[in-house]
Amino acid sequence: MAEAEIKGMDAQQLQTGIADAREELFKLRFQLRFGQLTDVSRFRKTRRKVARMLTELRDQQRKSGGGTD
């Protein structure tokens, strides 16, 4: 997912994307344990995708005044 796509998402889409990516990480862990995972770089890519979405969600919350700072 490109950074421009993430920036174009609203808060609900970001939360859904974060949940989906975390579920993907969960599945990747199982695949690794059972020896089915061939591309271990997907862990890093998925973790970074979650981080990007969380960062954008936090930025949106701060801009709308909903932050806890």
PDB file of N, CA and C in Angstrom:
ATOM      1  N   MET A   1       0.850  -1.165   0.000  1.00  0.00           N
ATOM      2  CA  MET A   1       0.000   0.000   0.000  1.00  0.00           C
ATOM      3  C   MET A   1       0.901   1.235   0.000  1.00  0.00           C
ATOM      4  N   ALA A   2       0.647   2.105  -0.950  1.00  0.00           N
ATOM      5  CA  ALA A   2       1.470   3.305  -1.088  1.00  0.00           C
ATOM      6  C   ALA A   2       1.126   4.328  -0.010  1.00  0.00           C
ATOM      7  N   GLU A   3       2.095   5.173   0.280  1.00  0.00           N
ATOM      8  CA  GLU A   3       1.899   6.190   1.306  1.00  0.00           C
ATOM      9  C   GLU A   3       0.784   7.156   0.914  1.00  0.00           C
ATOM     10  N   ALA A   4       0.673   7.453  -0.374  1.00  0.00           N
ATOM     11  CA  ALA A   4      -0.385   8.356  -0.842  1.00  0.00           C
ATOM     12  C   ALA A   4      -1.765   7.745  -0.605  1.00  0.00           C
ATOM     13  N   GLU A   5      -1.874   6.434  -0.767  1.00  0.00           N
ATOM     14  CA  GLU A   5      -3.147   5.754  -0.512  1.00  0.00           C
ATOM     15  C   GLU A   5      -3.525   5.859   0.960  1.00  0.00           C
ATOM     16  N   ILE A   6      -2.552   5.694   1.824  1.00  0.00           N
ATOM     17  CA  ILE A   6      -2.804   5.754   3.264  1.00  0.00           C
ATOM     18  C   ILE A   6      -3.242   7.151   3.660  1.00  0.00           C
ATOM     19  N   LYS A   7      -2.593   8.167   3.103  1.00  0.00           N
ATOM     20  CA  LYS A   7      -2.944   9.546   3.436  1.00  0.00           C
ATOM     21  C   LYS A   7      -4.341   9.910   2.940  1.00  0.00           C
ATOM     22  N   GLY A   8      -4.832   9.221   1.927  1.00  0.00           N
ATOM     23  CA  GLY A   8      -6.156   9.491   1.384  1.00  0.00           C
ATOM     24  C   GLY A   8      -7.283   8.785   2.126  1.00  0.00           C
ATOM     25  N   MET A   9      -6.957   7.972   3.102  1.00  0.00           N
ATOM     26  CA  MET A   9      -7.970   7.212   3.837  1.00  0.00           C
ATOM     27  C   MET A   9      -8.546   8.037   4.983  1.00  0.00           C
ATOM     28  N   ASP A  10      -9.801   7.762   5.302  1.00  0.00           N
ATOM     29  CA  ASP A  10     -10.381   8.395   6.486  1.00  0.00           C
ATOM     30  C   ASP A  10     -10.117   7.496   7.700  1.00  0.00           C
ATOM     31  N   ALA A  11     -10.533   7.959   8.871  1.00  0.00           N
ATOM     32  CA  ALA A  11     -10.216   7.255  10.117  1.00  0.00           C
ATOM     33  C   ALA A  11     -10.792   5.839  10.139  1.00  0.00           C
ATOM     34  N   GLN A  12     -12.007   5.673   9.658  1.00  0.00           N
ATOM     35  CA  GLN A  12     -12.639   4.350   9.669  1.00  0.00           C
ATOM     36  C   GLN A  12     -11.883   3.378   8.766  1.00  0.00           C
ATOM     37  N   GLN A  13     -11.484   3.841   7.589  1.00  0.00           N
ATOM     38  CA  GLN A  13     -10.732   2.993   6.673  1.00  0.00           C
ATOM     39  C   GLN A  13      -9.378   2.620   7.272  1.00  0.00           C
ATOM     40  N   LEU A  14      -8.751   3.568   7.946  1.00  0.00           N
ATOM     41  CA  LEU A  14      -7.465   3.284   8.583  1.00  0.00           C
ATOM     42  C   LEU A  14      -7.613   2.233   9.670  1.00  0.00           C
ATOM     43  N   GLN A  15      -8.643   2.348  10.486  1.00  0.00           N
ATOM     44  CA  GLN A  15      -8.847   1.372  11.553  1.00  0.00           C
ATOM     45  C   GLN A  15      -9.111  -0.012  10.985  1.00  0.00           C
ATOM     46  N   THR A  16      -9.869  -0.077   9.903  1.00  0.00           N
ATOM     47  CA  THR A  16     -10.125  -1.360   9.248  1.00  0.00           C
ATOM     48  C   THR A  16      -8.832  -1.925   8.662  1.00  0.00           C
ATOM     49  N   GLY A  17      -8.042  -1.072   8.029  1.00  0.00           N
ATOM     50  CA  GLY A  17      -6.770  -1.500   7.456  1.00  0.00           C
ATOM     51  C   GLY A  17      -5.803  -1.996   8.513  1.00  0.00           C
ATOM     52  N   ILE A  18      -5.771  -1.325   9.649  1.00  0.00           N
ATOM     53  CA  ILE A  18      -4.899  -1.738  10.751  1.00  0.00           C
ATOM     54  C   ILE A  18      -5.316  -3.111  11.263  1.00  0.00           C
ATOM     55  N   ALA A  19      -6.611  -3.304  11.437  1.00  0.00           N
ATOM     56  CA  ALA A  19      -7.106  -4.598  11.915  1.00  0.00           C
ATOM     57  C   ALA A  19      -6.770  -5.708  10.920  1.00  0.00           C
ATOM     58  N   ASP A  20      -6.934  -5.428   9.630  1.00  0.00           N
ATOM     59  CA  ASP A  20      -6.619  -6.422   8.603  1.00  0.00           C
ATOM     60  C   ASP A  20      -5.130  -6.766   8.595  1.00  0.00           C
ATOM     61  N   ALA A  21      -4.293  -5.748   8.716  1.00  0.00           N
ATOM     62  CA  ALA A  21      -2.847  -5.981   8.700  1.00  0.00           C
ATOM     63  C   ALA A  21      -2.406  -6.760   9.936  1.00  0.00           C
ATOM     64  N   ARG A  22      -3.007  -6.468  11.075  1.00  0.00           N
ATOM     65  CA  ARG A  22      -2.662  -7.215  12.292  1.00  0.00           C
ATOM     66  C   ARG A  22      -3.103  -8.668  12.178  1.00  0.00           C
ATOM     67  N   GLU A  23      -4.237  -8.902  11.543  1.00  0.00           N
ATOM     68  CA  GLU A  23      -4.690 -10.276  11.312  1.00  0.00           C
ATOM     69  C   GLU A  23      -3.725 -10.993  10.369  1.00  0.00           C
ATOM     70  N   GLU A  24      -3.239 -10.273   9.369  1.00  0.00           N
ATOM     71  CA  GLU A  24      -2.263 -10.850   8.451  1.00  0.00           C
ATOM     72  C   GLU A  24      -0.979 -11.229   9.193  1.00  0.00           C
ATOM     73  N   LEU A  25      -0.535 -10.384  10.113  1.00  0.00           N
ATOM     74  CA  LEU A  25       0.646 -10.710  10.919  1.00  0.00           C
ATOM     75  C   LEU A  25       0.419 -11.977  11.736  1.00  0.00           C
ATOM     76  N   PHE A  26      -0.768 -12.103  12.298  1.00  0.00           N
ATOM     77  CA  PHE A  26      -1.120 -13.286  13.077  1.00  0.00           C
ATOM     78  C   PHE A  26      -1.010 -14.542  12.209  1.00  0.00           C
ATOM     79  N   LYS A  27      -1.553 -14.474  10.996  1.00  0.00           N
ATOM     80  CA  LYS A  27      -1.501 -15.616  10.082  1.00  0.00           C
ATOM     81  C   LYS A  27      -0.069 -15.917   9.643  1.00  0.00           C
ATOM     82  N   LEU A  28       0.712 -14.862   9.445  1.00  0.00           N
ATOM     83  CA  LEU A  28       2.105 -15.062   9.050  1.00  0.00           C
ATOM     84  C   LEU A  28       2.888 -15.798  10.132  1.00  0.00           C
ATOM     85  N   ARG A  29       2.598 -15.489  11.388  1.00  0.00           N
ATOM     86  CA  ARG A  29       3.283 -16.180  12.487  1.00  0.00           C
ATOM     87  C   ARG A  29       2.988 -17.680  12.455  1.00  0.00           C
ATOM     88  N   PHE A  30       1.737 -18.038  12.193  1.00  0.00           N
ATOM     89  CA  PHE A  30       1.380 -19.451  12.106  1.00  0.00           C
ATOM     90  C   PHE A  30       2.074 -20.110  10.921  1.00  0.00           C
ATOM     91  N   GLN A  31       2.077 -19.424   9.785  1.00  0.00           N
ATOM     92  CA  GLN A  31       2.730 -19.987   8.605  1.00  0.00           C
ATOM     93  C   GLN A  31       4.213 -20.215   8.858  1.00  0.00           C
ATOM     94  N   LEU A  32       4.833 -19.303   9.579  1.00  0.00           N
ATOM     95  CA  LEU A  32       6.249 -19.459   9.895  1.00  0.00           C
ATOM     96  C   LEU A  32       6.470 -20.678  10.783  1.00  0.00           C
ATOM     97  N   ARG A  33       5.632 -20.842  11.790  1.00  0.00           N
ATOM     98  CA  ARG A  33       5.777 -21.970  12.717  1.00  0.00           C
ATOM     99  C   ARG A  33       5.572 -23.312  12.030  1.00  0.00           C
ATOM    100  N   PHE A  34       4.667 -23.352  11.049  1.00  0.00           N
ATOM    101  CA  PHE A  34       4.385 -24.608  10.364  1.00  0.00           C
ATOM    102  C   PHE A  34       5.243 -24.803   9.122  1.00  0.00           C
ATOM    103  N   GLY A  35       6.166 -23.885   8.879  1.00  0.00           N
ATOM    104  CA  GLY A  35       7.082 -24.032   7.760  1.00  0.00           C
ATOM    105  C   GLY A  35       6.470 -23.740   6.412  1.00  0.00           C
ATOM    106  N   GLN A  36       5.370 -23.040   6.365  1.00  0.00           N
ATOM    107  CA  GLN A  36       4.695 -22.749   5.104  1.00  0.00           C
ATOM    108  C   GLN A  36       5.091 -21.395   4.524  1.00  0.00           C
ATOM    109  N   LEU A  37       5.754 -20.570   5.309  1.00  0.00           N
ATOM    110  CA  LEU A  37       6.094 -19.219   4.879  1.00  0.00           C
ATOM    111  C   LEU A  37       7.411 -19.236   4.119  1.00  0.00           C
ATOM    112  N   THR A  38       7.394 -18.707   2.904  1.00  0.00           N
ATOM    113  CA  THR A  38       8.608 -18.674   2.101  1.00  0.00           C
ATOM    114  C   THR A  38       9.223 -17.279   2.054  1.00  0.00           C
ATOM    115  N   ASP A  39       8.414 -16.243   2.173  1.00  0.00           N
ATOM    116  CA  ASP A  39       8.904 -14.862   2.094  1.00  0.00           C
ATOM    117  C   ASP A  39       8.792 -14.206   3.469  1.00  0.00           C
ATOM    118  N   VAL A  40       9.854 -14.323   4.262  1.00  0.00           N
ATOM    119  CA  VAL A  40       9.818 -13.791   5.625  1.00  0.00           C
ATOM    120  C   VAL A  40       9.863 -12.264   5.652  1.00  0.00           C
ATOM    121  N   SER A  41      10.181 -11.632   4.537  1.00  0.00           N
ATOM    122  CA  SER A  41      10.194 -10.166   4.499  1.00  0.00           C
ATOM    123  C   SER A  41       8.783  -9.588   4.620  1.00  0.00           C
ATOM    124  N   ARG A  42       7.786 -10.425   4.443  1.00  0.00           N
ATOM    125  CA  ARG A  42       6.398  -9.952   4.590  1.00  0.00           C
ATOM    126  C   ARG A  42       6.123  -9.483   6.015  1.00  0.00           C
ATOM    127  N   PHE A  43       6.823 -10.070   7.004  1.00  0.00           N
ATOM    128  CA  PHE A  43       6.682  -9.611   8.394  1.00  0.00           C
ATOM    129  C   PHE A  43       7.025  -8.131   8.494  1.00  0.00           C
ATOM    130  N   ARG A  44       8.195  -7.806   8.002  1.00  0.00           N
ATOM    131  CA  ARG A  44       8.679  -6.428   8.094  1.00  0.00           C
ATOM    132  C   ARG A  44       7.772  -5.475   7.326  1.00  0.00           C
ATOM    133  N   LYS A  45       7.382  -5.869   6.121  1.00  0.00           N
ATOM    134  CA  LYS A  45       6.517  -5.018   5.298  1.00  0.00           C
ATOM    135  C   LYS A  45       5.172  -4.781   5.973  1.00  0.00           C
ATOM    136  N   THR A  46       4.620  -5.819   6.551  1.00  0.00           N
ATOM    137  CA  THR A  46       3.312  -5.696   7.194  1.00  0.00           C
ATOM    138  C   THR A  46       3.402  -4.869   8.470  1.00  0.00           C
ATOM    139  N   ARG A  47       4.447  -5.070   9.248  1.00  0.00           N
ATOM    140  CA  ARG A  47       4.633  -4.259  10.463  1.00  0.00           C
ATOM    141  C   ARG A  47       4.775  -2.785  10.118  1.00  0.00           C
ATOM    142  N   ARG A  48       5.509  -2.502   9.072  1.00  0.00           N
ATOM    143  CA  ARG A  48       5.685  -1.107   8.654  1.00  0.00           C
ATOM    144  C   ARG A  48       4.384  -0.518   8.128  1.00  0.00           C
ATOM    145  N   LYS A  49       3.589  -1.336   7.458  1.00  0.00           N
ATOM    146  CA  LYS A  49       2.293  -0.861   6.971  1.00  0.00           C
ATOM    147  C   LYS A  49       1.399  -0.485   8.149  1.00  0.00           C
ATOM    148  N   VAL A  50       1.405  -1.302   9.188  1.00  0.00           N
ATOM    149  CA  VAL A  50       0.629  -0.996  10.396  1.00  0.00           C
ATOM    150  C   VAL A  50       1.124   0.311  11.006  1.00  0.00           C
ATOM    151  N   ALA A  51       2.431   0.475  11.089  1.00  0.00           N
ATOM    152  CA  ALA A  51       2.998   1.688  11.679  1.00  0.00           C
ATOM    153  C   ALA A  51       2.617   2.927  10.874  1.00  0.00           C
ATOM    154  N   ARG A  52       2.645   2.821   9.558  1.00  0.00           N
ATOM    155  CA  ARG A  52       2.265   3.967   8.721  1.00  0.00           C
ATOM    156  C   ARG A  52       0.806   4.345   8.937  1.00  0.00           C
ATOM    157  N   MET A  53      -0.046   3.331   9.005  1.00  0.00           N
ATOM    158  CA  MET A  53      -1.471   3.611   9.197  1.00  0.00           C
ATOM    159  C   MET A  53      -1.734   4.192  10.580  1.00  0.00           C
ATOM    160  N   LEU A  54      -1.063   3.672  11.599  1.00  0.00           N
ATOM    161  CA  LEU A  54      -1.231   4.220  12.945  1.00  0.00           C
ATOM    162  C   LEU A  54      -0.752   5.669  13.016  1.00  0.00           C
ATOM    163  N   THR A  55       0.343   5.956  12.334  1.00  0.00           N
ATOM    164  CA  THR A  55       0.867   7.322  12.312  1.00  0.00           C
ATOM    165  C   THR A  55      -0.118   8.261  11.636  1.00  0.00           C
ATOM    166  N   GLU A  56      -0.663   7.851  10.512  1.00  0.00           N
ATOM    167  CA  GLU A  56      -1.631   8.694   9.806  1.00  0.00           C
ATOM    168  C   GLU A  56      -2.897   8.877  10.638  1.00  0.00           C
ATOM    169  N   LEU A  57      -3.354   7.831  11.287  1.00  0.00           N
ATOM    170  CA  LEU A  57      -4.539   7.930  12.139  1.00  0.00           C
ATOM    171  C   LEU A  57      -4.293   8.920  13.270  1.00  0.00           C
ATOM    172  N   ARG A  58      -3.133   8.840  13.877  1.00  0.00           N
ATOM    173  CA  ARG A  58      -2.781   9.761  14.966  1.00  0.00           C
ATOM    174  C   ARG A  58      -2.702  11.205  14.461  1.00  0.00           C
ATOM    175  N   ASP A  59      -2.125  11.401  13.274  1.00  0.00           N
ATOM    176  CA  ASP A  59      -2.054  12.744  12.692  1.00  0.00           C
ATOM    177  C   ASP A  59      -3.447  13.311  12.450  1.00  0.00           C
ATOM    178  N   GLN A  60      -4.341  12.481  11.949  1.00  0.00           N
ATOM    179  CA  GLN A  60      -5.712  12.934  11.703  1.00  0.00           C
ATOM    180  C   GLN A  60      -6.405  13.298  13.008  1.00  0.00           C
ATOM    181  N   GLN A  61      -6.175  12.518  14.049  1.00  0.00           N
ATOM    182  CA  GLN A  61      -6.794  12.805  15.342  1.00  0.00           C
ATOM    183  C   GLN A  61      -6.272  14.117  15.914  1.00  0.00           C
ATOM    184  N   ARG A  62      -4.981  14.355  15.762  1.00  0.00           N
ATOM    185  CA  ARG A  62      -4.411  15.606  16.271  1.00  0.00           C
ATOM    186  C   ARG A  62      -4.946  16.807  15.505  1.00  0.00           C
ATOM    187  N   LYS A  63      -5.084  16.672  14.188  1.00  0.00           N
ATOM    188  CA  LYS A  63      -5.573  17.780  13.367  1.00  0.00           C
ATOM    189  C   LYS A  63      -7.026  18.113  13.676  1.00  0.00           C
ATOM    190  N   SER A  64      -7.799  17.095  14.025  1.00  0.00           N
ATOM    191  CA  SER A  64      -9.213  17.330  14.318  1.00  0.00           C
ATOM    192  C   SER A  64      -9.435  17.733  15.773  1.00  0.00           C
ATOM    193  N   GLY A  65      -8.370  17.786  16.546  1.00  0.00           N
ATOM    194  CA  GLY A  65      -8.487  18.191  17.944  1.00  0.00           C
ATOM    195  C   GLY A  65      -8.871  17.067  18.868  1.00  0.00           C
ATOM    196  N   GLY A  66      -8.844  15.834  18.375  1.00  0.00           N
ATOM    197  CA  GLY A  66      -9.227  14.697  19.201  1.00  0.00           C
ATOM    198  C   GLY A  66      -8.070  14.037  19.902  1.00  0.00           C
ATOM    199  N   GLY A  67      -6.890  14.625  19.833  1.00  0.00           N
ATOM    200  CA  GLY A  67      -5.713  14.031  20.459  1.00  0.00           C
ATOM    201  C   GLY A  67      -5.723  14.196  21.960  1.00  0.00           C
ATOM    202  N   THR A  68      -4.884  13.439  22.632  1.00  0.00           N
ATOM    203  CA  THR A  68      -4.816  13.498  24.094  1.00  0.00           C
ATOM    204  C   THR A  68      -3.555  14.204  24.557  1.00  0.00           C
ATOM    205  N   ASP A  69      -2.942  14.994  23.679  1.00  0.00           N
ATOM    206  CA  ASP A  69      -1.697  15.693  24.046  1.00  0.00           C
ATOM    207  C   ASP A  69      -1.931  16.786  25.033  1.00  0.00           C
TER     208      ASP A  69
END
